[in-house]
């Protein structure tokens, strides 16, 4: 799952990743949850709030206007029979992690993975039923008028920068 390229926007479901070959935190983790469940391993959605803009991009002039915004990031708590609950985050693909974005390469399957939005932000577990509504309600609490639009423009700029990195 981690090797699947991150690209925004894309629909937040597993089928979109299968169809288009790339995804966001929401869609990549939806696919991972389905694959884990087919192997008999349960997982729970986990929202973590952290910075929208990764530190390595904070000075990029196109991205900088959104650097103060929070992001409602989506990953998983995976209920493993061998290590108990583990935090799993496959958002950033290896190329992005190698360029300095937070993430865990060569995961050992016995420890929590690093979060794409960095460590230490508030987090919430939510049921799959109503997941999208819960995420939007949390965003509505966090963003002032106009900030959601700035968030979307910033994410689009971040995704364009990632595509430039991939083309080199």
Protein backbone atom coordinates (compact mmCIF):
# COMPACT_ATOMS: atom_id res chain seq x y z
CA UNK A 1 0.00 0.00 0.00
CA UNK A 2 2.77 2.40 0.87
CA UNK A 3 4.30 2.06 -2.61
CA UNK A 4 1.09 3.37 -4.18
CA UNK A 5 1.78 7.01 -5.11
CA UNK A 6 0.10 9.73 -3.07
CA UNK A 7 -1.87 12.15 -5.22
CA UNK A 8 -4.59 14.63 -4.30
CA UNK A 9 -7.40 14.90 -5.08
CA UNK A 10 -8.81 11.44 -5.40
CA UNK A 11 -11.98 9.83 -4.06
CA UNK A 12 -11.65 8.59 -0.44
CA UNK A 13 -12.48 4.95 -1.18
CA UNK A 14 -10.54 1.75 -1.79
CA UNK A 15 -12.01 1.14 -5.24
CA UNK A 16 -10.63 4.43 -6.55
CA UNK A 17 -7.08 3.36 -5.65
CA UNK A 18 -7.60 0.05 -7.44
CA UNK A 19 -8.96 1.86 -10.49
CA UNK A 20 -6.64 4.86 -10.84
CA UNK A 21 -3.47 3.54 -9.19
CA UNK A 22 -2.87 6.37 -6.73
CA UNK A 23 -4.55 7.74 -3.65
CA UNK A 24 -4.73 9.98 -0.63
CA UNK A 25 -4.46 9.14 3.06
CA UNK A 26 -8.18 8.29 3.06
CA UNK A 27 -8.24 6.05 0.00
CA UNK A 28 -4.95 4.26 0.66
CA UNK A 29 -6.03 3.41 4.21
CA UNK A 30 -9.49 2.33 3.03
CA UNK A 31 -7.78 -0.12 0.68
CA UNK A 32 -5.40 -1.29 3.40
CA UNK A 33 -8.34 -1.85 5.78
CA UNK A 34 -10.11 -4.00 3.17
CA UNK A 35 -6.99 -6.04 2.48
CA UNK A 36 -6.31 -6.55 6.18
CA UNK A 37 -9.89 -7.65 6.80
CA UNK A 38 -9.64 -10.19 3.96
CA UNK A 39 -6.63 -11.61 5.85
CA UNK A 40 -8.66 -11.74 9.09
CA UNK A 41 -7.06 -8.67 10.70
CA UNK A 42 -9.32 -5.91 11.96
CA UNK A 43 -8.51 -2.23 11.87
CA UNK A 44 -10.14 0.99 12.98
CA UNK A 45 -10.01 4.39 11.28
CA UNK A 46 -7.92 6.94 13.15
CA UNK A 47 -8.00 10.71 12.62
CA UNK A 48 -4.93 12.68 13.65
CA UNK A 49 -4.70 16.45 13.46
CA UNK A 50 -1.34 17.87 12.49
CA UNK A 51 0.21 20.37 10.12
CA UNK A 52 -1.14 20.41 6.58
CA UNK A 53 2.21 21.42 5.10
CA UNK A 54 5.20 19.14 5.67
CA UNK A 55 8.28 20.96 7.00
CA UNK A 56 10.26 20.28 3.84
CA UNK A 57 7.73 22.35 1.87
CA UNK A 58 7.06 25.15 4.38
CA UNK A 59 9.18 27.68 2.47
CA UNK A 60 7.78 26.86 -0.97
CA UNK A 61 6.16 30.11 -2.16
CA UNK A 62 3.18 28.38 -3.77
CA UNK A 63 2.49 26.28 -0.66
CA UNK A 64 3.47 28.74 2.10
CA UNK A 65 0.05 30.50 2.41
CA UNK A 66 -1.45 27.29 3.85
CA UNK A 67 1.41 26.33 6.13
CA UNK A 68 -0.39 27.36 9.32
CA UNK A 69 -3.47 25.23 8.60
CA UNK A 70 -4.17 21.96 10.37
CA UNK A 71 -5.02 18.78 8.50
CA UNK A 72 -7.41 16.05 9.57
CA UNK A 73 -5.25 13.11 8.60
CA UNK A 74 -6.58 9.59 8.22
CA UNK A 75 -4.67 6.42 9.07
CA UNK A 76 -5.43 3.15 10.91
CA UNK A 77 -5.19 1.40 14.21
CA UNK A 78 -4.52 -2.21 13.22
CA UNK A 79 -5.49 -4.84 15.78
CA UNK A 80 -2.70 -7.37 15.39
CA UNK A 81 -2.80 -10.72 17.22
CA UNK A 82 1.01 -10.58 17.69
CA UNK A 83 1.59 -7.04 19.01
CA UNK A 84 -1.81 -5.65 19.93
CA UNK A 85 -3.02 -2.39 18.41
CA UNK A 86 -0.52 -0.71 16.10
CA UNK A 87 -0.75 2.68 14.45
CA UNK A 88 -0.25 2.21 10.70
CA UNK A 89 0.27 5.09 8.28
CA UNK A 90 1.03 4.33 4.63
CA UNK A 91 0.19 7.79 3.27
CA UNK A 92 3.52 8.90 1.84
CA UNK A 93 5.08 6.66 -0.74
CA UNK A 94 8.81 5.81 -0.47
CA UNK A 95 9.94 8.57 -2.85
CA UNK A 96 8.25 11.20 -0.67
CA UNK A 97 9.71 9.78 2.55
CA UNK A 98 13.16 9.74 0.95
CA UNK A 99 12.64 13.44 0.09
CA UNK A 100 12.10 14.21 3.80
CA UNK A 101 8.40 13.69 4.53
CA UNK A 102 7.62 11.87 7.77
CA UNK A 103 7.01 8.17 7.40
CA UNK A 104 8.28 4.70 8.12
CA UNK A 105 10.08 2.67 5.49
CA UNK A 106 10.88 -1.00 6.08
CA UNK A 107 8.23 -1.30 8.80
CA UNK A 108 8.84 -4.18 11.21
CA UNK A 109 5.14 -4.94 11.86
CA UNK A 110 5.70 -4.77 15.63
CA UNK A 111 5.80 -1.03 16.32
CA UNK A 112 3.80 2.07 15.50
CA UNK A 113 4.57 3.77 12.22
CA UNK A 114 5.44 7.48 12.00
CA UNK A 115 2.57 9.76 11.12
CA UNK A 116 2.44 11.69 7.86
CA UNK A 117 1.40 14.81 9.81
CA UNK A 118 4.07 14.41 12.47
CA UNK A 119 3.76 13.24 16.04
CA UNK A 120 1.83 14.61 18.97
CA UNK A 121 -1.39 15.93 17.49
CA UNK A 122 -4.84 15.18 18.89
CA UNK A 123 -6.47 12.04 17.53
CA UNK A 124 -9.84 10.31 17.43
CA UNK A 125 -10.98 6.79 16.63
CA UNK A 126 -14.20 6.69 14.67
CA UNK A 127 -16.41 3.91 13.35
CA UNK A 128 -16.33 3.15 9.62
CA UNK A 129 -20.04 3.80 9.48
CA UNK A 130 -20.28 7.57 9.17
CA UNK A 131 -16.52 8.02 8.71
CA UNK A 132 -16.80 10.75 6.04
CA UNK A 133 -19.40 12.67 8.05
CA UNK A 134 -17.25 12.51 11.19
CA UNK A 135 -14.22 13.80 9.29
CA UNK A 136 -16.20 16.69 7.81
CA UNK A 137 -17.62 17.58 11.23
CA UNK A 138 -14.10 17.70 12.65
CA UNK A 139 -12.92 19.86 9.75
CA UNK A 140 -15.86 22.22 10.31
CA UNK A 141 -14.68 22.67 13.90
CA UNK A 142 -11.08 23.36 12.87
CA UNK A 143 -11.40 25.65 9.86
CA UNK A 144 -12.60 29.23 9.88
CA UNK A 145 -14.49 30.60 6.86
CA UNK A 146 -12.31 30.43 3.76
CA UNK A 147 -9.73 28.09 5.27
CA UNK A 148 -11.17 24.93 3.73
CA UNK A 149 -10.72 26.46 0.28
CA UNK A 150 -7.14 27.48 1.18
CA UNK A 151 -6.53 23.93 2.43
CA UNK A 152 -7.72 22.49 -0.88
CA UNK A 153 -5.54 24.89 -2.92
CA UNK A 154 -2.56 24.08 -0.71
CA UNK A 155 -3.06 20.32 -1.06
CA UNK A 156 -3.30 20.72 -4.83
CA UNK A 157 -0.01 22.65 -4.84
CA UNK A 158 1.63 20.03 -2.61
CA UNK A 159 0.48 17.26 -4.92
CA UNK A 160 1.84 19.15 -7.96
CA UNK A 161 5.20 19.49 -6.20
CA UNK A 162 5.23 15.74 -5.56
CA UNK A 163 4.57 15.08 -9.24
CA UNK A 164 7.50 17.33 -10.13
CA UNK A 165 9.69 15.27 -7.79
CA UNK A 166 8.53 12.07 -9.47
CA UNK A 167 9.31 13.38 -12.95
CA UNK A 168 12.97 14.07 -12.10
